[in-house]
């Protein structure tokens, strides 16, 4: 009898321990996604500064392509995603949201643009720099196929070159579709650079030399803040046309802050902070220009920006948290 009671007691203790474990699940380190561009790195650094110094969590960053990091968010390998460009991954975003795999907390910014850009002097010239218009009739993306000699591919004379987004970025496939829809592949090569840095280097070299350049970019970035660029026109966005051929301007794109489904329960105070997180393209570009002009990393740019814009981010958190963070960054 004693042996039976002892066994029952052990079983009961095991069940209680298991139940207690479920209720006491915690998180020590919060993982953020780095999908490969400077603005997400800046916002990561702002969030990390507040999460670490205001709430006492450790943080880390997982780099990867858009597809890989979004999948990581869905599966829980990534906890926080500071810049989900929702319409660039519309199907996956809607699928994951409907499945409850991650939760959208706030709109980081929604006043962004993206598409194919040229330096404005390509169309209008630049009298101060002695540059004549190189393609004065260029207005639309479709017009590009009429100017292969202006945007000549150095590795394929007689054809032009358009810089796509880097491989692994969701938007690269959309640019591919535009090539076919607008007939750009008749005269232009679809060049896929290896990284965002490669695009910037290519643009900077051309811009400083006053030469023609055309390629994918977006705002907010230091690039669009520093250089005088013109976004080439496309037909007004129409959902049916976009879904069929991508033959319109890019759809309106809410850039949101999202977290894995478990984070609201595991870190409710961090969830509350991220629910209040809101900036703009201008505020983001302010930090990116500082980062570029002073050759500093995202962490230093974030601390500079937070000291300069205390009236903004201190509204996202309780006063005691704001004071702890201010003490850490001043």
C-alpha atoms as a PDB file:
ATOM      1  CA  UNK A   1       0.000   0.000   0.000  1.00  0.00           C
ATOM      2  CA  UNK A   2       2.804   2.397   0.904  1.00  0.00           C
ATOM      3  CA  UNK A   3       4.440   1.637  -2.416  1.00  0.00           C
ATOM      4  CA  UNK A   4       1.221   2.440  -4.301  1.00  0.00           C
ATOM      5  CA  UNK A   5       0.793   5.739  -2.408  1.00  0.00           C
ATOM      6  CA  UNK A   6       4.398   6.650  -3.113  1.00  0.00           C
ATOM      7  CA  UNK A   7       3.941   6.021  -6.848  1.00  0.00           C
ATOM      8  CA  UNK A   8       0.733   8.077  -6.899  1.00  0.00           C
ATOM      9  CA  UNK A   9       2.498  10.905  -5.083  1.00  0.00           C
ATOM     10  CA  UNK A  10       5.334  10.921  -7.589  1.00  0.00           C
ATOM     11  CA  UNK A  11       2.904  10.955 -10.504  1.00  0.00           C
ATOM     12  CA  UNK A  12       0.983  13.856  -8.931  1.00  0.00           C
ATOM     13  CA  UNK A  13       4.178  15.805  -8.314  1.00  0.00           C
ATOM     14  CA  UNK A  14       5.189  15.242 -11.935  1.00  0.00           C
ATOM     15  CA  UNK A  15       1.866  16.535 -13.200  1.00  0.00           C
ATOM     16  CA  UNK A  16       2.066  19.602 -10.972  1.00  0.00           C
ATOM     17  CA  UNK A  17       5.600  20.319 -12.139  1.00  0.00           C
ATOM     18  CA  UNK A  18       4.536  20.019 -15.768  1.00  0.00           C
ATOM     19  CA  UNK A  19       1.594  22.345 -15.285  1.00  0.00           C
ATOM     20  CA  UNK A  20       3.751  24.799 -13.388  1.00  0.00           C
ATOM     21  CA  UNK A  21       6.330  24.760 -16.192  1.00  0.00           C
ATOM     22  CA  UNK A  22       3.682  25.749 -18.741  1.00  0.00           C
ATOM     23  CA  UNK A  23       2.620  28.707 -16.640  1.00  0.00           C
ATOM     24  CA  UNK A  24       6.148  29.881 -15.932  1.00  0.00           C
ATOM     25  CA  UNK A  25       7.532  29.981 -19.465  1.00  0.00           C
ATOM     26  CA  UNK A  26       9.829  32.983 -19.820  1.00  0.00           C
ATOM     27  CA  UNK A  27      12.095  34.623 -22.354  1.00  0.00           C
ATOM     28  CA  UNK A  28      15.528  36.064 -21.601  1.00  0.00           C
ATOM     29  CA  UNK A  29      16.738  37.070 -25.070  1.00  0.00           C
ATOM     30  CA  UNK A  30      14.630  38.811 -27.712  1.00  0.00           C
ATOM     31  CA  UNK A  31      15.732  38.183 -31.303  1.00  0.00           C
ATOM     32  CA  UNK A  32      15.209  40.767 -34.037  1.00  0.00           C
ATOM     33  CA  UNK A  33      15.385  40.321 -37.824  1.00  0.00           C
ATOM     34  CA  UNK A  34      17.964  41.990 -40.067  1.00  0.00           C
ATOM     35  CA  UNK A  35      16.710  41.548 -43.639  1.00  0.00           C
ATOM     36  CA  UNK A  36      19.604  43.439 -45.188  1.00  0.00           C
ATOM     37  CA  UNK A  37      18.982  47.196 -45.362  1.00  0.00           C
ATOM     38  CA  UNK A  38      20.070  50.135 -43.213  1.00  0.00           C
ATOM     39  CA  UNK A  39      16.670  51.405 -42.096  1.00  0.00           C
ATOM     40  CA  UNK A  40      15.725  48.094 -40.480  1.00  0.00           C
ATOM     41  CA  UNK A  41      19.134  48.067 -38.771  1.00  0.00           C
ATOM     42  CA  UNK A  42      18.514  51.566 -37.428  1.00  0.00           C
ATOM     43  CA  UNK A  43      15.074  50.660 -36.092  1.00  0.00           C
ATOM     44  CA  UNK A  44      16.510  47.455 -34.623  1.00  0.00           C
ATOM     45  CA  UNK A  45      19.076  49.519 -32.736  1.00  0.00           C
ATOM     46  CA  UNK A  46      16.444  51.895 -31.354  1.00  0.00           C
ATOM     47  CA  UNK A  47      14.315  48.965 -30.213  1.00  0.00           C
ATOM     48  CA  UNK A  48      17.304  47.085 -28.757  1.00  0.00           C
ATOM     49  CA  UNK A  49      18.435  50.156 -26.806  1.00  0.00           C
ATOM     50  CA  UNK A  50      15.015  50.469 -25.207  1.00  0.00           C
ATOM     51  CA  UNK A  51      14.433  46.739 -24.666  1.00  0.00           C
ATOM     52  CA  UNK A  52      17.844  46.200 -23.042  1.00  0.00           C
ATOM     53  CA  UNK A  53      18.123  49.352 -20.937  1.00  0.00           C
ATOM     54  CA  UNK A  54      14.455  49.902 -20.201  1.00  0.00           C
ATOM     55  CA  UNK A  55      13.165  46.378 -19.731  1.00  0.00           C
ATOM     56  CA  UNK A  56      16.253  44.329 -18.877  1.00  0.00           C
ATOM     57  CA  UNK A  57      16.137  41.778 -21.695  1.00  0.00           C
ATOM     58  CA  UNK A  58      19.116  40.683 -23.730  1.00  0.00           C
ATOM     59  CA  UNK A  59      18.745  41.099 -27.495  1.00  0.00           C
ATOM     60  CA  UNK A  60      20.335  39.617 -30.581  1.00  0.00           C
ATOM     61  CA  UNK A  61      19.895  40.009 -34.334  1.00  0.00           C
ATOM     62  CA  UNK A  62      19.441  37.295 -36.950  1.00  0.00           C
ATOM     63  CA  UNK A  63      20.430  38.323 -40.503  1.00  0.00           C
ATOM     64  CA  UNK A  64      18.982  36.782 -43.642  1.00  0.00           C
ATOM     65  CA  UNK A  65      16.918  37.305 -46.779  1.00  0.00           C
ATOM     66  CA  UNK A  66      13.348  38.577 -46.605  1.00  0.00           C
ATOM     67  CA  UNK A  67      11.997  35.070 -47.133  1.00  0.00           C
ATOM     68  CA  UNK A  68      14.252  33.507 -44.505  1.00  0.00           C
ATOM     69  CA  UNK A  69      13.626  36.125 -41.812  1.00  0.00           C
ATOM     70  CA  UNK A  70       9.861  36.155 -42.351  1.00  0.00           C
ATOM     71  CA  UNK A  71       9.867  32.373 -42.076  1.00  0.00           C
ATOM     72  CA  UNK A  72      11.890  32.735 -38.883  1.00  0.00           C
ATOM     73  CA  UNK A  73       9.240  35.089 -37.512  1.00  0.00           C
ATOM     74  CA  UNK A  74       6.503  32.603 -38.378  1.00  0.00           C
ATOM     75  CA  UNK A  75       8.314  29.740 -36.672  1.00  0.00           C
ATOM     76  CA  UNK A  76       9.495  31.629 -33.588  1.00  0.00           C
ATOM     77  CA  UNK A  77      13.208  31.696 -34.371  1.00  0.00           C
ATOM     78  CA  UNK A  78      12.761  35.478 -34.660  1.00  0.00           C
ATOM     79  CA  UNK A  79      10.714  37.395 -32.110  1.00  0.00           C
ATOM     80  CA  UNK A  80      10.534  40.946 -33.502  1.00  0.00           C
ATOM     81  CA  UNK A  81      10.489  42.332 -37.053  1.00  0.00           C
ATOM     82  CA  UNK A  82      10.781  46.129 -37.110  1.00  0.00           C
ATOM     83  CA  UNK A  83      10.113  46.636 -40.844  1.00  0.00           C
ATOM     84  CA  UNK A  84       7.689  44.244 -42.519  1.00  0.00           C
ATOM     85  CA  UNK A  85       6.992  45.746 -45.955  1.00  0.00           C
ATOM     86  CA  UNK A  86       3.525  44.252 -46.080  1.00  0.00           C
ATOM     87  CA  UNK A  87       2.676  44.638 -49.758  1.00  0.00           C
ATOM     88  CA  UNK A  88       6.051  43.345 -50.927  1.00  0.00           C
ATOM     89  CA  UNK A  89       5.158  40.013 -49.294  1.00  0.00           C
ATOM     90  CA  UNK A  90       1.384  40.395 -49.382  1.00  0.00           C
ATOM     91  CA  UNK A  91       0.402  36.736 -49.804  1.00  0.00           C
ATOM     92  CA  UNK A  92       2.801  35.450 -47.152  1.00  0.00           C
ATOM     93  CA  UNK A  93       1.931  38.300 -44.783  1.00  0.00           C
ATOM     94  CA  UNK A  94      -1.806  37.676 -45.059  1.00  0.00           C
ATOM     95  CA  UNK A  95      -1.359  33.898 -44.756  1.00  0.00           C
ATOM     96  CA  UNK A  96       0.804  34.164 -41.630  1.00  0.00           C
ATOM     97  CA  UNK A  97      -1.486  36.757 -40.062  1.00  0.00           C
ATOM     98  CA  UNK A  98      -4.618  34.707 -40.693  1.00  0.00           C
ATOM     99  CA  UNK A  99      -2.888  31.618 -39.286  1.00  0.00           C
ATOM    100  CA  UNK A 100      -2.007  33.567 -36.139  1.00  0.00           C
ATOM    101  CA  UNK A 101       1.710  32.874 -36.574  1.00  0.00           C
ATOM    102  CA  UNK A 102       2.682  36.456 -35.886  1.00  0.00           C
ATOM    103  CA  UNK A 103       0.939  39.611 -34.745  1.00  0.00           C
ATOM    104  CA  UNK A 104       1.165  43.123 -36.209  1.00  0.00           C
ATOM    105  CA  UNK A 105       1.606  45.675 -33.420  1.00  0.00           C
ATOM    106  CA  UNK A 106       1.993  49.052 -35.130  1.00  0.00           C
ATOM    107  CA  UNK A 107       2.705  50.892 -38.372  1.00  0.00           C
ATOM    108  CA  UNK A 108       6.319  52.056 -38.237  1.00  0.00           C
ATOM    109  CA  UNK A 109       5.809  54.349 -41.253  1.00  0.00           C
ATOM    110  CA  UNK A 110       3.539  54.453 -44.303  1.00  0.00           C
ATOM    111  CA  UNK A 111       4.813  57.430 -46.324  1.00  0.00           C
ATOM    112  CA  UNK A 112       7.338  55.470 -48.372  1.00  0.00           C
ATOM    113  CA  UNK A 113       7.984  55.115 -52.111  1.00  0.00           C
ATOM    114  CA  UNK A 114       9.766  52.499 -54.188  1.00  0.00           C
ATOM    115  CA  UNK A 115      10.460  51.744 -57.827  1.00  0.00           C
ATOM    116  CA  UNK A 116      12.985  52.539 -60.551  1.00  0.00           C
ATOM    117  CA  UNK A 117      14.897  55.784 -60.061  1.00  0.00           C
ATOM    118  CA  UNK A 118      17.239  57.868 -62.201  1.00  0.00           C
ATOM    119  CA  UNK A 119      19.332  60.875 -61.178  1.00  0.00           C
ATOM    120  CA  UNK A 120      17.235  63.934 -62.011  1.00  0.00           C
ATOM    121  CA  UNK A 121      20.020  65.344 -64.183  1.00  0.00           C
ATOM    122  CA  UNK A 122      19.493  62.435 -66.590  1.00  0.00           C
ATOM    123  CA  UNK A 123      16.160  64.016 -67.553  1.00  0.00           C
ATOM    124  CA  UNK A 124      16.664  67.701 -66.780  1.00  0.00           C
ATOM    125  CA  UNK A 125      20.414  68.177 -66.939  1.00  0.00           C
ATOM    126  CA  UNK A 126      22.363  70.134 -64.318  1.00  0.00           C
ATOM    127  CA  UNK A 127      23.544  73.546 -65.462  1.00  0.00           C
ATOM    128  CA  UNK A 128      25.680  74.068 -62.376  1.00  0.00           C
ATOM    129  CA  UNK A 129      27.614  70.864 -63.076  1.00  0.00           C
ATOM    130  CA  UNK A 130      27.655  71.396 -66.833  1.00  0.00           C
ATOM    131  CA  UNK A 131      25.535  68.315 -67.525  1.00  0.00           C
ATOM    132  CA  UNK A 132      23.199  68.313 -70.514  1.00  0.00           C
ATOM    133  CA  UNK A 133      19.987  66.244 -70.335  1.00  0.00           C
ATOM    134  CA  UNK A 134      20.851  62.671 -71.284  1.00  0.00           C
ATOM    135  CA  UNK A 135      17.278  61.445 -71.780  1.00  0.00           C
ATOM    136  CA  UNK A 136      15.029  64.523 -71.878  1.00  0.00           C
ATOM    137  CA  UNK A 137      11.963  62.547 -72.967  1.00  0.00           C
ATOM    138  CA  UNK A 138      12.224  59.933 -70.215  1.00  0.00           C
ATOM    139  CA  UNK A 139       9.153  59.918 -67.995  1.00  0.00           C
ATOM    140  CA  UNK A 140       7.990  56.360 -67.354  1.00  0.00           C
ATOM    141  CA  UNK A 141       9.451  52.958 -66.602  1.00  0.00           C
ATOM    142  CA  UNK A 142       8.209  51.747 -69.984  1.00  0.00           C
ATOM    143  CA  UNK A 143      10.107  54.584 -71.698  1.00  0.00           C
ATOM    144  CA  UNK A 144      13.375  53.020 -70.547  1.00  0.00           C
ATOM    145  CA  UNK A 145      13.370  50.550 -73.450  1.00  0.00           C
ATOM    146  CA  UNK A 146      13.902  53.537 -75.790  1.00  0.00           C
ATOM    147  CA  UNK A 147      17.199  54.492 -74.141  1.00  0.00           C
ATOM    148  CA  UNK A 148      19.553  51.485 -74.171  1.00  0.00           C
ATOM    149  CA  UNK A 149      22.410  53.669 -75.422  1.00  0.00           C
ATOM    150  CA  UNK A 150      21.972  56.097 -72.499  1.00  0.00           C
ATOM    151  CA  UNK A 151      22.031  53.358 -69.848  1.00  0.00           C
ATOM    152  CA  UNK A 152      24.487  51.141 -71.724  1.00  0.00           C
ATOM    153  CA  UNK A 153      25.525  47.898 -70.077  1.00  0.00           C
ATOM    154  CA  UNK A 154      29.355  48.011 -69.849  1.00  0.00           C
ATOM    155  CA  UNK A 155      29.491  44.256 -70.280  1.00  0.00           C
ATOM    156  CA  UNK A 156      27.031  44.099 -73.189  1.00  0.00           C
ATOM    157  CA  UNK A 157      27.441  47.031 -75.622  1.00  0.00           C
ATOM    158  CA  UNK A 158      24.298  47.881 -77.535  1.00  0.00           C
ATOM    159  CA  UNK A 159      21.991  46.961 -74.662  1.00  0.00           C
ATOM    160  CA  UNK A 160      21.081  48.922 -71.562  1.00  0.00           C
ATOM    161  CA  UNK A 161      21.329  47.905 -67.908  1.00  0.00           C
ATOM    162  CA  UNK A 162      18.749  48.329 -65.162  1.00  0.00           C
ATOM    163  CA  UNK A 163      19.795  47.475 -61.618  1.00  0.00           C
ATOM    164  CA  UNK A 164      17.240  45.254 -59.928  1.00  0.00           C
ATOM    165  CA  UNK A 165      16.996  44.656 -56.177  1.00  0.00           C
ATOM    166  CA  UNK A 166      19.457  42.135 -54.700  1.00  0.00           C
ATOM    167  CA  UNK A 167      18.687  38.442 -54.983  1.00  0.00           C
ATOM    168  CA  UNK A 168      16.658  37.270 -52.001  1.00  0.00           C
ATOM    169  CA  UNK A 169      14.674  40.482 -51.688  1.00  0.00           C
ATOM    170  CA  UNK A 170      10.970  39.930 -52.292  1.00  0.00           C
ATOM    171  CA  UNK A 171      10.760  42.962 -54.560  1.00  0.00           C
ATOM    172  CA  UNK A 172      13.265  41.501 -57.047  1.00  0.00           C
ATOM    173  CA  UNK A 173      10.614  39.157 -58.446  1.00  0.00           C
ATOM    174  CA  UNK A 174       8.254  42.099 -58.914  1.00  0.00           C
ATOM    175  CA  UNK A 175      10.884  43.971 -60.924  1.00  0.00           C
ATOM    176  CA  UNK A 176      11.364  40.795 -62.998  1.00  0.00           C
ATOM    177  CA  UNK A 177       7.647  40.838 -63.828  1.00  0.00           C
ATOM    178  CA  UNK A 178       7.801  44.518 -64.810  1.00  0.00           C
ATOM    179  CA  UNK A 179      10.587  43.721 -67.274  1.00  0.00           C
ATOM    180  CA  UNK A 180       8.256  41.381 -69.125  1.00  0.00           C
ATOM    181  CA  UNK A 181       5.135  43.541 -68.806  1.00  0.00           C
ATOM    182  CA  UNK A 182       6.771  46.707 -70.135  1.00  0.00           C
ATOM    183  CA  UNK A 183       8.917  44.928 -72.731  1.00  0.00           C
ATOM    184  CA  UNK A 184      12.108  46.189 -71.129  1.00  0.00           C
ATOM    185  CA  UNK A 185      13.915  42.949 -71.936  1.00  0.00           C
ATOM    186  CA  UNK A 186      13.791  43.898 -75.648  1.00  0.00           C
ATOM    187  CA  UNK A 187      16.645  46.362 -75.174  1.00  0.00           C
ATOM    188  CA  UNK A 188      17.638  46.311 -71.481  1.00  0.00           C
ATOM    189  CA  UNK A 189      19.428  43.772 -69.279  1.00  0.00           C
ATOM    190  CA  UNK A 190      18.030  42.907 -65.868  1.00  0.00           C
ATOM    191  CA  UNK A 191      21.089  43.145 -63.624  1.00  0.00           C
ATOM    192  CA  UNK A 192      20.791  41.792 -60.102  1.00  0.00           C
ATOM    193  CA  UNK A 193      23.423  43.237 -57.722  1.00  0.00           C
ATOM    194  CA  UNK A 194      24.785  41.242 -54.834  1.00  0.00           C
ATOM    195  CA  UNK A 195      23.741  43.618 -52.071  1.00  0.00           C
ATOM    196  CA  UNK A 196      22.269  46.974 -51.156  1.00  0.00           C
ATOM    197  CA  UNK A 197      25.841  48.263 -50.798  1.00  0.00           C
ATOM    198  CA  UNK A 198      26.518  47.316 -54.420  1.00  0.00           C
ATOM    199  CA  UNK A 199      23.552  49.408 -55.581  1.00  0.00           C
ATOM    200  CA  UNK A 200      24.710  52.398 -53.535  1.00  0.00           C
ATOM    201  CA  UNK A 201      28.282  52.148 -54.844  1.00  0.00           C
ATOM    202  CA  UNK A 202      27.058  51.924 -58.430  1.00  0.00           C
ATOM    203  CA  UNK A 203      24.767  54.942 -58.007  1.00  0.00           C
ATOM    204  CA  UNK A 204      27.386  57.025 -56.184  1.00  0.00           C
ATOM    205  CA  UNK A 205      30.016  56.363 -58.853  1.00  0.00           C
ATOM    206  CA  UNK A 206      27.615  57.331 -61.645  1.00  0.00           C
ATOM    207  CA  UNK A 207      26.246  60.372 -59.799  1.00  0.00           C
ATOM    208  CA  UNK A 208      29.666  61.769 -58.951  1.00  0.00           C
ATOM    209  CA  UNK A 209      30.689  61.383 -62.593  1.00  0.00           C
ATOM    210  CA  UNK A 210      27.448  62.828 -63.975  1.00  0.00           C
ATOM    211  CA  UNK A 211      26.713  59.632 -65.864  1.00  0.00           C
ATOM    212  CA  UNK A 212      23.402  57.884 -66.533  1.00  0.00           C
ATOM    213  CA  UNK A 213      22.125  55.343 -64.024  1.00  0.00           C
ATOM    214  CA  UNK A 214      18.804  53.583 -63.470  1.00  0.00           C
ATOM    215  CA  UNK A 215      17.879  51.107 -60.781  1.00  0.00           C
ATOM    216  CA  UNK A 216      15.585  50.013 -58.006  1.00  0.00           C
ATOM    217  CA  UNK A 217      15.523  51.916 -54.744  1.00  0.00           C
ATOM    218  CA  UNK A 218      13.095  53.069 -52.104  1.00  0.00           C
ATOM    219  CA  UNK A 219      12.529  55.643 -49.415  1.00  0.00           C
ATOM    220  CA  UNK A 220      13.193  56.240 -46.605  1.00  0.00           C
ATOM    221  CA  UNK A 221      16.922  55.834 -47.164  1.00  0.00           C
ATOM    222  CA  UNK A 222      20.032  57.949 -46.914  1.00  0.00           C
ATOM    223  CA  UNK A 223      20.359  57.533 -50.674  1.00  0.00           C
ATOM    224  CA  UNK A 224      17.029  59.173 -51.517  1.00  0.00           C
ATOM    225  CA  UNK A 225      17.706  61.900 -48.959  1.00  0.00           C
ATOM    226  CA  UNK A 226      21.212  62.710 -50.210  1.00  0.00           C
ATOM    227  CA  UNK A 227      20.831  62.468 -53.980  1.00  0.00           C
ATOM    228  CA  UNK A 228      18.454  64.303 -56.300  1.00  0.00           C
ATOM    229  CA  UNK A 229      16.623  61.352 -57.839  1.00  0.00           C
ATOM    230  CA  UNK A 230      13.441  61.024 -59.891  1.00  0.00           C
ATOM    231  CA  UNK A 231      11.091  58.076 -59.468  1.00  0.00           C
ATOM    232  CA  UNK A 232       9.981  56.990 -62.942  1.00  0.00           C
ATOM    233  CA  UNK A 233       6.216  56.945 -63.396  1.00  0.00           C
ATOM    234  CA  UNK A 234       4.000  53.907 -63.851  1.00  0.00           C
ATOM    235  CA  UNK A 235       0.223  53.581 -64.272  1.00  0.00           C
ATOM    236  CA  UNK A 236      -1.749  54.299 -61.137  1.00  0.00           C
ATOM    237  CA  UNK A 237      -1.981  51.327 -58.803  1.00  0.00           C
ATOM    238  CA  UNK A 238      -4.815  48.951 -59.601  1.00  0.00           C
ATOM    239  CA  UNK A 239      -5.063  45.778 -57.543  1.00  0.00           C
ATOM    240  CA  UNK A 240      -6.252  43.486 -60.353  1.00  0.00           C
ATOM    241  CA  UNK A 241      -3.615  44.694 -62.807  1.00  0.00           C
ATOM    242  CA  UNK A 242      -0.924  44.493 -60.161  1.00  0.00           C
ATOM    243  CA  UNK A 243      -1.839  40.928 -59.253  1.00  0.00           C
ATOM    244  CA  UNK A 244      -1.880  39.882 -62.904  1.00  0.00           C
ATOM    245  CA  UNK A 245       1.142  41.633 -64.434  1.00  0.00           C
ATOM    246  CA  UNK A 246       2.732  44.014 -61.862  1.00  0.00           C
ATOM    247  CA  UNK A 247       2.141  46.657 -64.535  1.00  0.00           C
ATOM    248  CA  UNK A 248       1.340  49.534 -62.169  1.00  0.00           C
ATOM    249  CA  UNK A 249       3.130  51.615 -59.595  1.00  0.00           C
ATOM    250  CA  UNK A 250       3.918  49.769 -56.394  1.00  0.00           C
ATOM    251  CA  UNK A 251       0.915  49.425 -54.069  1.00  0.00           C
ATOM    252  CA  UNK A 252       0.598  51.532 -50.918  1.00  0.00           C
ATOM    253  CA  UNK A 253       2.886  49.855 -48.424  1.00  0.00           C
ATOM    254  CA  UNK A 254       2.353  49.925 -44.684  1.00  0.00           C
ATOM    255  CA  UNK A 255       5.708  49.136 -43.095  1.00  0.00           C
ATOM    256  CA  UNK A 256       4.755  47.497 -39.829  1.00  0.00           C
ATOM    257  CA  UNK A 257       6.261  46.206 -36.605  1.00  0.00           C
ATOM    258  CA  UNK A 258       5.340  42.563 -36.056  1.00  0.00           C
ATOM    259  CA  UNK A 259       6.149  39.975 -33.395  1.00  0.00           C
ATOM    260  CA  UNK A 260       5.924  36.209 -33.130  1.00  0.00           C
ATOM    261  CA  UNK A 261       2.620  35.050 -31.647  1.00  0.00           C
ATOM    262  CA  UNK A 262       4.162  34.087 -28.289  1.00  0.00           C
ATOM    263  CA  UNK A 263       5.760  37.467 -27.540  1.00  0.00           C
ATOM    264  CA  UNK A 264       2.630  39.258 -26.226  1.00  0.00           C
ATOM    265  CA  UNK A 265       2.408  36.652 -23.447  1.00  0.00           C
ATOM    266  CA  UNK A 266       6.141  36.204 -22.840  1.00  0.00           C
ATOM    267  CA  UNK A 267       7.071  39.895 -22.914  1.00  0.00           C
ATOM    268  CA  UNK A 268       3.901  41.977 -22.484  1.00  0.00           C
ATOM    269  CA  UNK A 269       5.729  45.165 -21.543  1.00  0.00           C
ATOM    270  CA  UNK A 270       7.904  44.981 -24.669  1.00  0.00           C
ATOM    271  CA  UNK A 271       4.781  44.286 -26.698  1.00  0.00           C
ATOM    272  CA  UNK A 272       3.186  47.425 -25.277  1.00  0.00           C
ATOM    273  CA  UNK A 273       6.248  49.488 -26.172  1.00  0.00           C
ATOM    274  CA  UNK A 274       6.338  48.153 -29.746  1.00  0.00           C
ATOM    275  CA  UNK A 275       2.602  48.799 -30.092  1.00  0.00           C
ATOM    276  CA  UNK A 276       3.412  52.494 -29.626  1.00  0.00           C
ATOM    277  CA  UNK A 277       6.362  52.519 -32.044  1.00  0.00           C
ATOM    278  CA  UNK A 278       5.756  54.988 -34.886  1.00  0.00           C
ATOM    279  CA  UNK A 279       8.103  57.072 -37.014  1.00  0.00           C
ATOM    280  CA  UNK A 280       8.046  58.440 -40.579  1.00  0.00           C
ATOM    281  CA  UNK A 281      10.175  58.398 -43.703  1.00  0.00           C
ATOM    282  CA  UNK A 282      11.615  61.809 -42.804  1.00  0.00           C
ATOM    283  CA  UNK A 283      12.534  60.738 -39.270  1.00  0.00           C
ATOM    284  CA  UNK A 284      14.109  57.546 -40.542  1.00  0.00           C
ATOM    285  CA  UNK A 285      16.074  59.311 -43.272  1.00  0.00           C
ATOM    286  CA  UNK A 286      17.367  61.777 -40.672  1.00  0.00           C
ATOM    287  CA  UNK A 287      19.136  58.915 -38.910  1.00  0.00           C
ATOM    288  CA  UNK A 288      20.314  57.286 -42.129  1.00  0.00           C
ATOM    289  CA  UNK A 289      21.885  60.503 -43.405  1.00  0.00           C
ATOM    290  CA  UNK A 290      23.673  60.928 -40.058  1.00  0.00           C
ATOM    291  CA  UNK A 291      24.905  57.344 -40.280  1.00  0.00           C
ATOM    292  CA  UNK A 292      26.233  57.839 -43.794  1.00  0.00           C
ATOM    293  CA  UNK A 293      27.770  61.289 -43.424  1.00  0.00           C
ATOM    294  CA  UNK A 294      29.524  60.431 -40.159  1.00  0.00           C
ATOM    295  CA  UNK A 295      30.421  56.859 -41.141  1.00  0.00           C
ATOM    296  CA  UNK A 296      28.941  55.393 -37.963  1.00  0.00           C
ATOM    297  CA  UNK A 297      27.059  52.169 -37.352  1.00  0.00           C
ATOM    298  CA  UNK A 298      23.342  51.769 -36.668  1.00  0.00           C
ATOM    299  CA  UNK A 299      23.823  51.722 -32.881  1.00  0.00           C
ATOM    300  CA  UNK A 300      25.600  55.073 -32.799  1.00  0.00           C
ATOM    301  CA  UNK A 301      23.073  56.582 -35.208  1.00  0.00           C
ATOM    302  CA  UNK A 302      20.225  55.297 -33.034  1.00  0.00           C
ATOM    303  CA  UNK A 303      21.676  56.866 -29.888  1.00  0.00           C
ATOM    304  CA  UNK A 304      22.232  60.182 -31.706  1.00  0.00           C
ATOM    305  CA  UNK A 305      18.674  60.098 -33.041  1.00  0.00           C
ATOM    306  CA  UNK A 306      17.180  59.206 -29.662  1.00  0.00           C
ATOM    307  CA  UNK A 307      18.990  62.059 -27.933  1.00  0.00           C
ATOM    308  CA  UNK A 308      17.808  64.457 -30.636  1.00  0.00           C
ATOM    309  CA  UNK A 309      14.198  63.199 -30.656  1.00  0.00           C
ATOM    310  CA  UNK A 310      13.492  62.517 -26.997  1.00  0.00           C
ATOM    311  CA  UNK A 311      10.026  64.035 -27.345  1.00  0.00           C
ATOM    312  CA  UNK A 312       9.074  61.268 -29.793  1.00  0.00           C
ATOM    313  CA  UNK A 313      10.347  57.977 -28.400  1.00  0.00           C
ATOM    314  CA  UNK A 314       9.791  58.782 -24.725  1.00  0.00           C
ATOM    315  CA  UNK A 315       6.067  58.772 -25.517  1.00  0.00           C
ATOM    316  CA  UNK A 316       6.318  55.077 -26.448  1.00  0.00           C
ATOM    317  CA  UNK A 317       7.289  53.941 -22.930  1.00  0.00           C
ATOM    318  CA  UNK A 318       6.493  54.697 -19.257  1.00  0.00           C
ATOM    319  CA  UNK A 319       8.428  57.542 -17.643  1.00  0.00           C
ATOM    320  CA  UNK A 320      10.619  55.287 -15.504  1.00  0.00           C
ATOM    321  CA  UNK A 321      11.632  53.249 -18.550  1.00  0.00           C
ATOM    322  CA  UNK A 322      12.416  56.422 -20.503  1.00  0.00           C
ATOM    323  CA  UNK A 323      14.600  57.687 -17.647  1.00  0.00           C
ATOM    324  CA  UNK A 324      16.579  54.434 -17.509  1.00  0.00           C
ATOM    325  CA  UNK A 325      17.169  54.528 -21.255  1.00  0.00           C
ATOM    326  CA  UNK A 326      18.163  58.197 -21.229  1.00  0.00           C
ATOM    327  CA  UNK A 327      20.688  57.508 -18.502  1.00  0.00           C
ATOM    328  CA  UNK A 328      22.191  54.731 -20.616  1.00  0.00           C
ATOM    329  CA  UNK A 329      22.572  56.735 -23.836  1.00  0.00           C
ATOM    330  CA  UNK A 330      23.550  60.180 -22.591  1.00  0.00           C
END
